[in-house]
Amino acid sequence: ARLMTEYALWEPLRAFHARGGQLWGTCAGAILLSGEV
C-alpha cells in the first residue's frame, strides 16, 4: 500500500477496473482489493 502511494497507482488501478480490466488479488493482494480491512 505504501509503494502504491509512492508510485501513484491507486487511481490508475481503479480506472483500469472501471474501463473493463479484470483484477485478481492473492493474500495481500486480496486485502488491497477489499472494501474494509
Full PDB file with SEQRES, HELIX, SHEET, SSBOND, CRYST1, ORIGX, SCALE, CONECT and MASTER records, all heavy atoms in Angstrom:
SEQRES   1 A   37  ALA ARG LEU MET THR GLU TYR ALA LEU TRP GLU PRO LEU          
SEQRES   2 A   37  ARG ALA PHE HIS ALA ARG GLY GLY GLN LEU TRP GLY THR          
SEQRES   3 A   37  CYS ALA GLY ALA ILE LEU LEU SER GLY GLU VAL                  
HELIX    1 AA1 ARG A    2  GLU A    6  1                                   5    
HELIX    2 AA2 TRP A   10  ALA A   18  1                                   9    
HELIX    3 AA3 ALA A   28  LEU A   33  1                                   6    
CRYST1    1.000    1.000    1.000  90.00  90.00  90.00 P 1           1          
ORIGX1      1.000000  0.000000  0.000000        0.00000                         
ORIGX2      0.000000  1.000000  0.000000        0.00000                         
ORIGX3      0.000000  0.000000  1.000000        0.00000                         
SCALE1      1.000000  0.000000  0.000000        0.00000                         
SCALE2      0.000000  1.000000  0.000000        0.00000                         
SCALE3      0.000000  0.000000  1.000000        0.00000                         
ATOM      1  N   ALA A   1       0.833  -1.207   0.000  1.00  0.00           N  
ATOM      2  CA  ALA A   1       0.000   0.000   0.000  1.00  0.00           C  
ATOM      3  C   ALA A   1       0.868   1.257   0.000  1.00  0.00           C  
ATOM      4  O   ALA A   1       0.574   2.228  -0.706  1.00  0.00           O  
ATOM      5  CB  ALA A   1      -0.937  -0.011   1.201  1.00  0.00           C  
ATOM      6  N   ARG A   2       1.938   1.233   0.785  1.00  0.00           N  
ATOM      7  CA  ARG A   2       2.831   2.392   0.819  1.00  0.00           C  
ATOM      8  C   ARG A   2       3.486   2.615  -0.551  1.00  0.00           C  
ATOM      9  O   ARG A   2       3.566   3.755  -1.041  1.00  0.00           O  
ATOM     10  CB  ARG A   2       3.900   2.185   1.895  1.00  0.00           C  
ATOM     11  CG  ARG A   2       4.906   3.336   2.000  1.00  0.00           C  
ATOM     12  CD  ARG A   2       5.918   3.106   3.104  1.00  0.00           C  
ATOM     13  NE  ARG A   2       6.604   1.834   3.012  1.00  0.00           N  
ATOM     14  CZ  ARG A   2       7.598   1.574   2.163  1.00  0.00           C  
ATOM     15  NH1 ARG A   2       8.003   2.507   1.297  1.00  0.00           N  
ATOM     16  NH2 ARG A   2       8.191   0.397   2.149  1.00  0.00           N  
ATOM     17  N   LEU A   3       3.919   1.532  -1.189  1.00  0.00           N  
ATOM     18  CA  LEU A   3       4.540   1.658  -2.509  1.00  0.00           C  
ATOM     19  C   LEU A   3       3.532   2.101  -3.567  1.00  0.00           C  
ATOM     20  O   LEU A   3       3.874   2.869  -4.477  1.00  0.00           O  
ATOM     21  CB  LEU A   3       5.193   0.330  -2.902  1.00  0.00           C  
ATOM     22  CG  LEU A   3       6.434  -0.040  -2.080  1.00  0.00           C  
ATOM     23  CD1 LEU A   3       6.841  -1.490  -2.347  1.00  0.00           C  
ATOM     24  CD2 LEU A   3       7.589   0.907  -2.381  1.00  0.00           C  
ATOM     25  N   MET A   4       2.291   1.651  -3.448  1.00  0.00           N  
ATOM     26  CA  MET A   4       1.257   2.104  -4.375  1.00  0.00           C  
ATOM     27  C   MET A   4       1.033   3.603  -4.243  1.00  0.00           C  
ATOM     28  O   MET A   4       0.749   4.292  -5.236  1.00  0.00           O  
ATOM     29  CB  MET A   4      -0.039   1.327  -4.146  1.00  0.00           C  
ATOM     30  CG  MET A   4       0.007  -0.085  -4.714  1.00  0.00           C  
ATOM     31  SD  MET A   4      -1.340  -1.154  -4.140  1.00  0.00           S  
ATOM     32  CE  MET A   4      -2.779  -0.273  -4.733  1.00  0.00           C  
ATOM     33  N   THR A   5       1.165   4.130  -3.044  1.00  0.00           N  
ATOM     34  CA  THR A   5       1.070   5.587  -2.848  1.00  0.00           C  
ATOM     35  C   THR A   5       2.273   6.280  -3.470  1.00  0.00           C  
ATOM     36  O   THR A   5       2.122   7.274  -4.199  1.00  0.00           O  
ATOM     37  CB  THR A   5       0.964   5.912  -1.349  1.00  0.00           C  
ATOM     38  OG1 THR A   5      -0.229   5.309  -0.828  1.00  0.00           O  
ATOM     39  CG2 THR A   5       0.916   7.417  -1.113  1.00  0.00           C  
ATOM     40  N   GLU A   6       3.468   5.749  -3.215  1.00  0.00           N  
ATOM     41  CA  GLU A   6       4.692   6.350  -3.759  1.00  0.00           C  
ATOM     42  C   GLU A   6       4.663   6.395  -5.284  1.00  0.00           C  
ATOM     43  O   GLU A   6       5.127   7.360  -5.895  1.00  0.00           O  
ATOM     44  CB  GLU A   6       5.926   5.553  -3.311  1.00  0.00           C  
ATOM     45  CG  GLU A   6       6.404   5.892  -1.925  1.00  0.00           C  
ATOM     46  CD  GLU A   6       7.692   5.154  -1.579  1.00  0.00           C  
ATOM     47  OE1 GLU A   6       8.507   4.868  -2.493  1.00  0.00           O  
ATOM     48  OE2 GLU A   6       7.866   4.855  -0.381  1.00  0.00           O  
ATOM     49  N   TYR A   7       4.129   5.346  -5.910  1.00  0.00           N  
ATOM     50  CA  TYR A   7       4.109   5.258  -7.374  1.00  0.00           C  
ATOM     51  C   TYR A   7       2.793   5.762  -7.970  1.00  0.00           C  
ATOM     52  O   TYR A   7       2.555   5.599  -9.171  1.00  0.00           O  
ATOM     53  CB  TYR A   7       4.366   3.816  -7.823  1.00  0.00           C  
ATOM     54  CG  TYR A   7       5.798   3.376  -7.627  1.00  0.00           C  
ATOM     55  CD1 TYR A   7       6.194   2.771  -6.441  1.00  0.00           C  
ATOM     56  CD2 TYR A   7       6.758   3.591  -8.608  1.00  0.00           C  
ATOM     57  CE1 TYR A   7       7.515   2.375  -6.237  1.00  0.00           C  
ATOM     58  CE2 TYR A   7       8.075   3.192  -8.428  1.00  0.00           C  
ATOM     59  CZ  TYR A   7       8.444   2.588  -7.241  1.00  0.00           C  
ATOM     60  OH  TYR A   7       9.745   2.205  -7.052  1.00  0.00           O  
ATOM     61  N   ALA A   8       1.957   6.389  -7.122  1.00  0.00           N  
ATOM     62  CA  ALA A   8       0.687   6.998  -7.571  1.00  0.00           C  
ATOM     63  C   ALA A   8      -0.162   6.017  -8.371  1.00  0.00           C  
ATOM     64  O   ALA A   8      -0.631   6.319  -9.477  1.00  0.00           O  
ATOM     65  CB  ALA A   8       0.966   8.268  -8.392  1.00  0.00           C  
ATOM     66  N   LEU A   9      -0.405   4.836  -7.806  1.00  0.00           N  
ATOM     67  CA  LEU A   9      -1.114   3.784  -8.531  1.00  0.00           C  
ATOM     68  C   LEU A   9      -2.575   3.603  -8.113  1.00  0.00           C  
ATOM     69  O   LEU A   9      -3.319   2.898  -8.806  1.00  0.00           O  
ATOM     70  CB  LEU A   9      -0.390   2.443  -8.338  1.00  0.00           C  
ATOM     71  CG  LEU A   9       0.851   2.236  -9.212  1.00  0.00           C  
ATOM     72  CD1 LEU A   9       1.637   1.030  -8.739  1.00  0.00           C  
ATOM     73  CD2 LEU A   9       0.457   2.085 -10.669  1.00  0.00           C  
ATOM     74  N   TRP A  10      -3.004   4.204  -7.012  1.00  0.00           N  
ATOM     75  CA  TRP A  10      -4.359   3.948  -6.523  1.00  0.00           C  
ATOM     76  C   TRP A  10      -5.427   4.282  -7.566  1.00  0.00           C  
ATOM     77  O   TRP A  10      -6.252   3.442  -7.911  1.00  0.00           O  
ATOM     78  CB  TRP A  10      -4.629   4.722  -5.226  1.00  0.00           C  
ATOM     79  CG  TRP A  10      -3.833   4.231  -4.057  1.00  0.00           C  
ATOM     80  CD1 TRP A  10      -2.690   4.776  -3.555  1.00  0.00           C  
ATOM     81  CD2 TRP A  10      -4.104   3.072  -3.263  1.00  0.00           C  
ATOM     82  NE1 TRP A  10      -2.228   4.034  -2.501  1.00  0.00           N  
ATOM     83  CE2 TRP A  10      -3.080   2.991  -2.289  1.00  0.00           C  
ATOM     84  CE3 TRP A  10      -5.106   2.095  -3.273  1.00  0.00           C  
ATOM     85  CZ2 TRP A  10      -3.045   1.967  -1.334  1.00  0.00           C  
ATOM     86  CZ3 TRP A  10      -5.063   1.090  -2.324  1.00  0.00           C  
ATOM     87  CH2 TRP A  10      -4.046   1.032  -1.370  1.00  0.00           C  
ATOM     88  N   GLU A  11      -5.422   5.498  -8.061  1.00  0.00           N  
ATOM     89  CA  GLU A  11      -6.460   5.899  -9.021  1.00  0.00           C  
ATOM     90  C   GLU A  11      -6.298   5.212 -10.373  1.00  0.00           C  
ATOM     91  O   GLU A  11      -7.298   4.805 -10.980  1.00  0.00           O  
ATOM     92  CB  GLU A  11      -6.519   7.422  -9.163  1.00  0.00           C  
ATOM     93  CG  GLU A  11      -7.089   8.111  -7.926  1.00  0.00           C  
ATOM     94  CD  GLU A  11      -8.381   7.456  -7.412  1.00  0.00           C  
ATOM     95  OE1 GLU A  11      -9.287   7.175  -8.231  1.00  0.00           O  
ATOM     96  OE2 GLU A  11      -8.479   7.200  -6.201  1.00  0.00           O  
ATOM     97  N   PRO A  12      -5.075   5.053 -10.900  1.00  0.00           N  
ATOM     98  CA  PRO A  12      -4.938   4.294 -12.149  1.00  0.00           C  
ATOM     99  C   PRO A  12      -5.463   2.858 -12.045  1.00  0.00           C  
ATOM    100  O   PRO A  12      -6.040   2.345 -13.010  1.00  0.00           O  
ATOM    101  CB  PRO A  12      -3.431   4.322 -12.418  1.00  0.00           C  
ATOM    102  CG  PRO A  12      -2.967   5.592 -11.778  1.00  0.00           C  
ATOM    103  CD  PRO A  12      -3.810   5.729 -10.545  1.00  0.00           C  
ATOM    104  N   LEU A  13      -5.301   2.208 -10.902  1.00  0.00           N  
ATOM    105  CA  LEU A  13      -5.826   0.846 -10.745  1.00  0.00           C  
ATOM    106  C   LEU A  13      -7.348   0.847 -10.721  1.00  0.00           C  
ATOM    107  O   LEU A  13      -7.992  -0.019 -11.324  1.00  0.00           O  
ATOM    108  CB  LEU A  13      -5.278   0.200  -9.475  1.00  0.00           C  
ATOM    109  CG  LEU A  13      -3.803  -0.213  -9.530  1.00  0.00           C  
ATOM    110  CD1 LEU A  13      -3.334  -0.722  -8.171  1.00  0.00           C  
ATOM    111  CD2 LEU A  13      -3.582  -1.282 -10.593  1.00  0.00           C  
ATOM    112  N   ARG A  14      -7.939   1.829 -10.044  1.00  0.00           N  
ATOM    113  CA  ARG A  14      -9.410   1.932 -10.049  1.00  0.00           C  
ATOM    114  C   ARG A  14      -9.914   2.219 -11.467  1.00  0.00           C  
ATOM    115  O   ARG A  14     -10.924   1.670 -11.904  1.00  0.00           O  
ATOM    116  CB  ARG A  14      -9.862   3.024  -9.081  1.00  0.00           C  
ATOM    117  CG  ARG A  14      -9.666   2.654  -7.612  1.00  0.00           C  
ATOM    118  CD  ARG A  14     -10.271   3.709  -6.688  1.00  0.00           C  
ATOM    119  NE  ARG A  14     -10.031   3.364  -5.293  1.00  0.00           N  
ATOM    120  CZ  ARG A  14      -9.128   3.953  -4.509  1.00  0.00           C  
ATOM    121  NH1 ARG A  14      -8.381   4.937  -4.987  1.00  0.00           N  
ATOM    122  NH2 ARG A  14      -8.981   3.576  -3.256  1.00  0.00           N  
ATOM    123  N   ALA A  15      -9.192   3.061 -12.186  1.00  0.00           N  
ATOM    124  CA  ALA A  15      -9.585   3.402 -13.558  1.00  0.00           C  
ATOM    125  C   ALA A  15      -9.438   2.196 -14.480  1.00  0.00           C  
ATOM    126  O   ALA A  15     -10.269   1.978 -15.373  1.00  0.00           O  
ATOM    127  CB  ALA A  15      -8.745   4.575 -14.076  1.00  0.00           C  
ATOM    128  N   PHE A  16      -8.398   1.390 -14.271  1.00  0.00           N  
ATOM    129  CA  PHE A  16      -8.207   0.170 -15.055  1.00  0.00           C  
ATOM    130  C   PHE A  16      -9.403  -0.759 -14.882  1.00  0.00           C  
ATOM    131  O   PHE A  16      -9.936  -1.295 -15.857  1.00  0.00           O  
ATOM    132  CB  PHE A  16      -6.913  -0.523 -14.609  1.00  0.00           C  
ATOM    133  CG  PHE A  16      -6.694  -1.881 -15.219  1.00  0.00           C  
ATOM    134  CD1 PHE A  16      -6.269  -2.003 -16.535  1.00  0.00           C  
ATOM    135  CD2 PHE A  16      -6.898  -3.037 -14.478  1.00  0.00           C  
ATOM    136  CE1 PHE A  16      -6.066  -3.252 -17.105  1.00  0.00           C  
ATOM    137  CE2 PHE A  16      -6.698  -4.290 -15.034  1.00  0.00           C  
ATOM    138  CZ  PHE A  16      -6.282  -4.393 -16.348  1.00  0.00           C  
ATOM    139  N   HIS A  17      -9.854  -0.922 -13.668  1.00  0.00           N  
ATOM    140  CA  HIS A  17     -11.024  -1.752 -13.407  1.00  0.00           C  
ATOM    141  C   HIS A  17     -12.271  -1.137 -14.034  1.00  0.00           C  
ATOM    142  O   HIS A  17     -13.073  -1.841 -14.648  1.00  0.00           O  
ATOM    143  CB  HIS A  17     -11.216  -1.937 -11.900  1.00  0.00           C  
ATOM    144  CG  HIS A  17     -12.449  -2.694 -11.553  1.00  0.00           C  
ATOM    145  ND1 HIS A  17     -13.582  -2.066 -11.077  1.00  0.00           N  
ATOM    146  CD2 HIS A  17     -12.748  -4.007 -11.646  1.00  0.00           C  
ATOM    147  CE1 HIS A  17     -14.527  -2.978 -10.883  1.00  0.00           C  
ATOM    148  NE2 HIS A  17     -14.048  -4.161 -11.209  1.00  0.00           N  
ATOM    149  N   ALA A  18     -12.429   0.161 -13.907  1.00  0.00           N  
ATOM    150  CA  ALA A  18     -13.629   0.836 -14.425  1.00  0.00           C  
ATOM    151  C   ALA A  18     -13.753   0.700 -15.937  1.00  0.00           C  
ATOM    152  O   ALA A  18     -14.875   0.642 -16.465  1.00  0.00           O  
ATOM    153  CB  ALA A  18     -13.608   2.308 -14.026  1.00  0.00           C  
ATOM    154  N   ARG A  19     -12.623   0.618 -16.642  1.00  0.00           N  
ATOM    155  CA  ARG A  19     -12.700   0.501 -18.103  1.00  0.00           C  
ATOM    156  C   ARG A  19     -12.714  -0.949 -18.571  1.00  0.00           C  
ATOM    157  O   ARG A  19     -12.552  -1.222 -19.766  1.00  0.00           O  
ATOM    158  CB  ARG A  19     -11.589   1.307 -18.767  1.00  0.00           C  
ATOM    159  CG  ARG A  19     -10.178   0.833 -18.527  1.00  0.00           C  
ATOM    160  CD  ARG A  19      -9.169   1.693 -19.296  1.00  0.00           C  
ATOM    161  NE  ARG A  19      -7.808   1.279 -19.067  1.00  0.00           N  
ATOM    162  CZ  ARG A  19      -6.966   1.868 -18.240  1.00  0.00           C  
ATOM    163  NH1 ARG A  19      -7.346   2.927 -17.539  1.00  0.00           N  
ATOM    164  NH2 ARG A  19      -5.726   1.415 -18.105  1.00  0.00           N  
ATOM    165  N   GLY A  20     -12.909  -1.904 -17.643  1.00  0.00           N  
ATOM    166  CA  GLY A  20     -13.115  -3.291 -18.036  1.00  0.00           C  
ATOM    167  C   GLY A  20     -12.030  -4.261 -17.660  1.00  0.00           C  
ATOM    168  O   GLY A  20     -12.136  -5.446 -17.977  1.00  0.00           O  
ATOM    169  N   GLY A  21     -10.974  -3.796 -17.000  1.00  0.00           N  
ATOM    170  CA  GLY A  21      -9.885  -4.694 -16.624  1.00  0.00           C  
ATOM    171  C   GLY A  21     -10.288  -5.663 -15.530  1.00  0.00           C  
ATOM    172  O   GLY A  21     -11.031  -5.310 -14.613  1.00  0.00           O  
ATOM    173  N   GLN A  22      -9.812  -6.895 -15.660  1.00  0.00           N  
ATOM    174  CA  GLN A  22     -10.022  -7.922 -14.639  1.00  0.00           C  
ATOM    175  C   GLN A  22      -8.929  -7.794 -13.577  1.00  0.00           C  
ATOM    176  O   GLN A  22      -7.770  -7.533 -13.908  1.00  0.00           O  
ATOM    177  CB  GLN A  22      -9.923  -9.316 -15.270  1.00  0.00           C  
ATOM    178  CG  GLN A  22     -10.884  -9.575 -16.391  1.00  0.00           C  
ATOM    179  CD  GLN A  22     -12.204 -10.167 -15.904  1.00  0.00           C  
ATOM    180  OE1 GLN A  22     -12.305 -10.674 -14.817  1.00  0.00           O  
ATOM    181  NE2 GLN A  22     -13.211 -10.068 -16.746  1.00  0.00           N  
ATOM    182  N   LEU A  23      -9.295  -8.034 -12.318  1.00  0.00           N  
ATOM    183  CA  LEU A  23      -8.323  -7.976 -11.226  1.00  0.00           C  
ATOM    184  C   LEU A  23      -8.392  -9.262 -10.412  1.00  0.00           C  
ATOM    185  O   LEU A  23      -9.468  -9.818 -10.196  1.00  0.00           O  
ATOM    186  CB  LEU A  23      -8.623  -6.788 -10.308  1.00  0.00           C  
ATOM    187  CG  LEU A  23      -8.448  -5.392 -10.909  1.00  0.00           C  
ATOM    188  CD1 LEU A  23      -8.998  -4.344  -9.959  1.00  0.00           C  
ATOM    189  CD2 LEU A  23      -6.988  -5.118 -11.214  1.00  0.00           C  
ATOM    190  N   TRP A  24      -7.227  -9.704  -9.945  1.00  0.00           N  
ATOM    191  CA  TRP A  24      -7.158 -10.848  -9.037  1.00  0.00           C  
ATOM    192  C   TRP A  24      -6.137 -10.526  -7.962  1.00  0.00           C  
ATOM    193  O   TRP A  24      -4.983 -10.222  -8.267  1.00  0.00           O  
ATOM    194  CB  TRP A  24      -6.743 -12.096  -9.812  1.00  0.00           C  
ATOM    195  CG  TRP A  24      -6.572 -13.340  -8.971  1.00  0.00           C  
ATOM    196  CD1 TRP A  24      -7.037 -13.555  -7.708  1.00  0.00           C  
ATOM    197  CD2 TRP A  24      -5.888 -14.527  -9.359  1.00  0.00           C  
ATOM    198  NE1 TRP A  24      -6.696 -14.810  -7.285  1.00  0.00           N  
ATOM    199  CE2 TRP A  24      -5.992 -15.440  -8.287  1.00  0.00           C  
ATOM    200  CE3 TRP A  24      -5.209 -14.916 -10.515  1.00  0.00           C  
ATOM    201  CZ2 TRP A  24      -5.427 -16.698  -8.331  1.00  0.00           C  
ATOM    202  CZ3 TRP A  24      -4.664 -16.176 -10.554  1.00  0.00           C  
ATOM    203  CH2 TRP A  24      -4.775 -17.059  -9.480  1.00  0.00           C  
ATOM    204  N   GLY A  25      -6.572 -10.592  -6.716  1.00  0.00           N  
ATOM    205  CA  GLY A  25      -5.681 -10.387  -5.592  1.00  0.00           C  
ATOM    206  C   GLY A  25      -5.489 -11.678  -4.826  1.00  0.00           C  
ATOM    207  O   GLY A  25      -6.459 -12.364  -4.505  1.00  0.00           O  
ATOM    208  N   THR A  26      -4.233 -12.035  -4.540  1.00  0.00           N  
ATOM    209  CA  THR A  26      -3.935 -13.213  -3.735  1.00  0.00           C  
ATOM    210  C   THR A  26      -3.318 -12.760  -2.419  1.00  0.00           C  
ATOM    211  O   THR A  26      -2.368 -11.978  -2.414  1.00  0.00           O  
ATOM    212  CB  THR A  26      -2.983 -14.184  -4.460  1.00  0.00           C  
ATOM    213  OG1 THR A  26      -1.731 -13.550  -4.693  1.00  0.00           O  
ATOM    214  CG2 THR A  26      -3.563 -14.638  -5.787  1.00  0.00           C  
ATOM    215  N   CYS A  27      -3.865 -13.231  -1.310  1.00  0.00           N  
ATOM    216  CA  CYS A  27      -3.389 -12.941   0.035  1.00  0.00           C  
ATOM    217  C   CYS A  27      -3.303 -11.419   0.257  1.00  0.00           C  
ATOM    218  O   CYS A  27      -4.335 -10.769   0.377  1.00  0.00           O  
ATOM    219  CB  CYS A  27      -2.065 -13.654   0.313  1.00  0.00           C  
ATOM    220  SG  CYS A  27      -1.674 -13.792   2.066  1.00  0.00           S  
ATOM    221  N   ALA A  28      -2.127 -10.824   0.281  1.00  0.00           N  
ATOM    222  CA  ALA A  28      -2.024  -9.377   0.464  1.00  0.00           C  
ATOM    223  C   ALA A  28      -2.775  -8.622  -0.632  1.00  0.00           C  
ATOM    224  O   ALA A  28      -3.389  -7.582  -0.379  1.00  0.00           O  
ATOM    225  CB  ALA A  28      -0.557  -8.940   0.484  1.00  0.00           C  
ATOM    226  N   GLY A  29      -2.733  -9.154  -1.856  1.00  0.00           N  
ATOM    227  CA  GLY A  29      -3.463  -8.516  -2.955  1.00  0.00           C  
ATOM    228  C   GLY A  29      -4.961  -8.514  -2.714  1.00  0.00           C  
ATOM    229  O   GLY A  29      -5.655  -7.566  -3.074  1.00  0.00           O  
ATOM    230  N   ALA A  30      -5.465  -9.586  -2.078  1.00  0.00           N  
ATOM    231  CA  ALA A  30      -6.893  -9.638  -1.734  1.00  0.00           C  
ATOM    232  C   ALA A  30      -7.242  -8.574  -0.710  1.00  0.00           C  
ATOM    233  O   ALA A  30      -8.300  -7.946  -0.781  1.00  0.00           O  
ATOM    234  CB  ALA A  30      -7.246 -11.029  -1.203  1.00  0.00           C  
ATOM    235  N   ILE A  31      -6.356  -8.345   0.235  1.00  0.00           N  
ATOM    236  CA  ILE A  31      -6.554  -7.291   1.237  1.00  0.00           C  
ATOM    237  C   ILE A  31      -6.660  -5.935   0.542  1.00  0.00           C  
ATOM    238  O   ILE A  31      -7.537  -5.124   0.852  1.00  0.00           O  
ATOM    239  CB  ILE A  31      -5.403  -7.300   2.260  1.00  0.00           C  
ATOM    240  CG1 ILE A  31      -5.453  -8.584   3.106  1.00  0.00           C  
ATOM    241  CG2 ILE A  31      -5.451  -6.061   3.163  1.00  0.00           C  
ATOM    242  CD1 ILE A  31      -4.229  -8.815   3.981  1.00  0.00           C  
ATOM    243  N   LEU A  32      -5.787  -5.694  -0.429  1.00  0.00           N  
ATOM    244  CA  LEU A  32      -5.766  -4.397  -1.116  1.00  0.00           C  
ATOM    245  C   LEU A  32      -6.998  -4.156  -1.980  1.00  0.00           C  
ATOM    246  O   LEU A  32      -7.360  -3.010  -2.238  1.00  0.00           O  
ATOM    247  CB  LEU A  32      -4.499  -4.282  -1.967  1.00  0.00           C  
ATOM    248  CG  LEU A  32      -3.198  -4.195  -1.163  1.00  0.00           C  
ATOM    249  CD1 LEU A  32      -2.004  -4.331  -2.082  1.00  0.00           C  
ATOM    250  CD2 LEU A  32      -3.128  -2.902  -0.369  1.00  0.00           C  
ATOM    251  N   LEU A  33      -7.672  -5.216  -2.419  1.00  0.00           N  
ATOM    252  CA  LEU A  33      -8.882  -5.057  -3.234  1.00  0.00           C  
ATOM    253  C   LEU A  33     -10.131  -4.801  -2.393  1.00  0.00           C  
ATOM    254  O   LEU A  33     -11.132  -4.311  -2.899  1.00  0.00           O  
ATOM    255  CB  LEU A  33      -9.109  -6.320  -4.078  1.00  0.00           C  
ATOM    256  CG  LEU A  33      -8.158  -6.545  -5.248  1.00  0.00           C  
ATOM    257  CD1 LEU A  33      -8.385  -7.928  -5.844  1.00  0.00           C  
ATOM    258  CD2 LEU A  33      -8.329  -5.472  -6.309  1.00  0.00           C  
ATOM    259  N   SER A  34     -10.087  -5.141  -1.130  1.00  0.00           N  
ATOM    260  CA  SER A  34     -11.276  -5.192  -0.275  1.00  0.00           C  
ATOM    261  C   SER A  34     -11.849  -3.824   0.064  1.00  0.00           C  
ATOM    262  O   SER A  34     -11.165  -2.804   0.011  1.00  0.00           O  
ATOM    263  CB  SER A  34     -10.929  -5.932   1.017  1.00  0.00           C  
ATOM    264  OG  SER A  34     -10.529  -7.248   0.719  1.00  0.00           O  
ATOM    265  N   GLY A  35     -13.139  -3.869   0.455  1.00  0.00           N  
ATOM    266  CA  GLY A  35     -13.822  -2.644   0.857  1.00  0.00           C  
ATOM    267  C   GLY A  35     -13.446  -2.181   2.247  1.00  0.00           C  
ATOM    268  O   GLY A  35     -13.394  -0.990   2.531  1.00  0.00           O  
ATOM    269  N   GLU A  36     -13.163  -3.135   3.141  1.00  0.00           N  
ATOM    270  CA  GLU A  36     -12.809  -2.806   4.525  1.00  0.00           C  
ATOM    271  C   GLU A  36     -11.773  -3.799   5.019  1.00  0.00           C  
ATOM    272  O   GLU A  36     -11.857  -4.984   4.721  1.00  0.00           O  
ATOM    273  CB  GLU A  36     -14.055  -2.867   5.410  1.00  0.00           C  
ATOM    274  CG  GLU A  36     -13.795  -2.499   6.855  1.00  0.00           C  
ATOM    275  CD  GLU A  36     -15.019  -2.659   7.752  1.00  0.00           C  
ATOM    276  OE1 GLU A  36     -16.057  -3.165   7.272  1.00  0.00           O  
ATOM    277  OE2 GLU A  36     -14.916  -2.305   8.932  1.00  0.00           O  
ATOM    278  N   VAL A  37     -10.791  -3.301   5.770  1.00  0.00           N  
ATOM    279  CA  VAL A  37      -9.706  -4.134   6.286  1.00  0.00           C  
ATOM    280  C   VAL A  37      -9.716  -4.075   7.806  1.00  0.00           C  
ATOM    281  O   VAL A  37      -9.712  -2.989   8.389  1.00  0.00           O  
ATOM    282  CB  VAL A  37      -8.333  -3.664   5.759  1.00  0.00           C  
ATOM    283  CG1 VAL A  37      -7.215  -4.561   6.286  1.00  0.00           C  
ATOM    284  CG2 VAL A  37      -8.318  -3.621   4.237  1.00  0.00           C  
TER     285      VAL A  37                                                      
MASTER        0    0    0    3    0    0    0    6  284    1    0    3          
END                                                                             
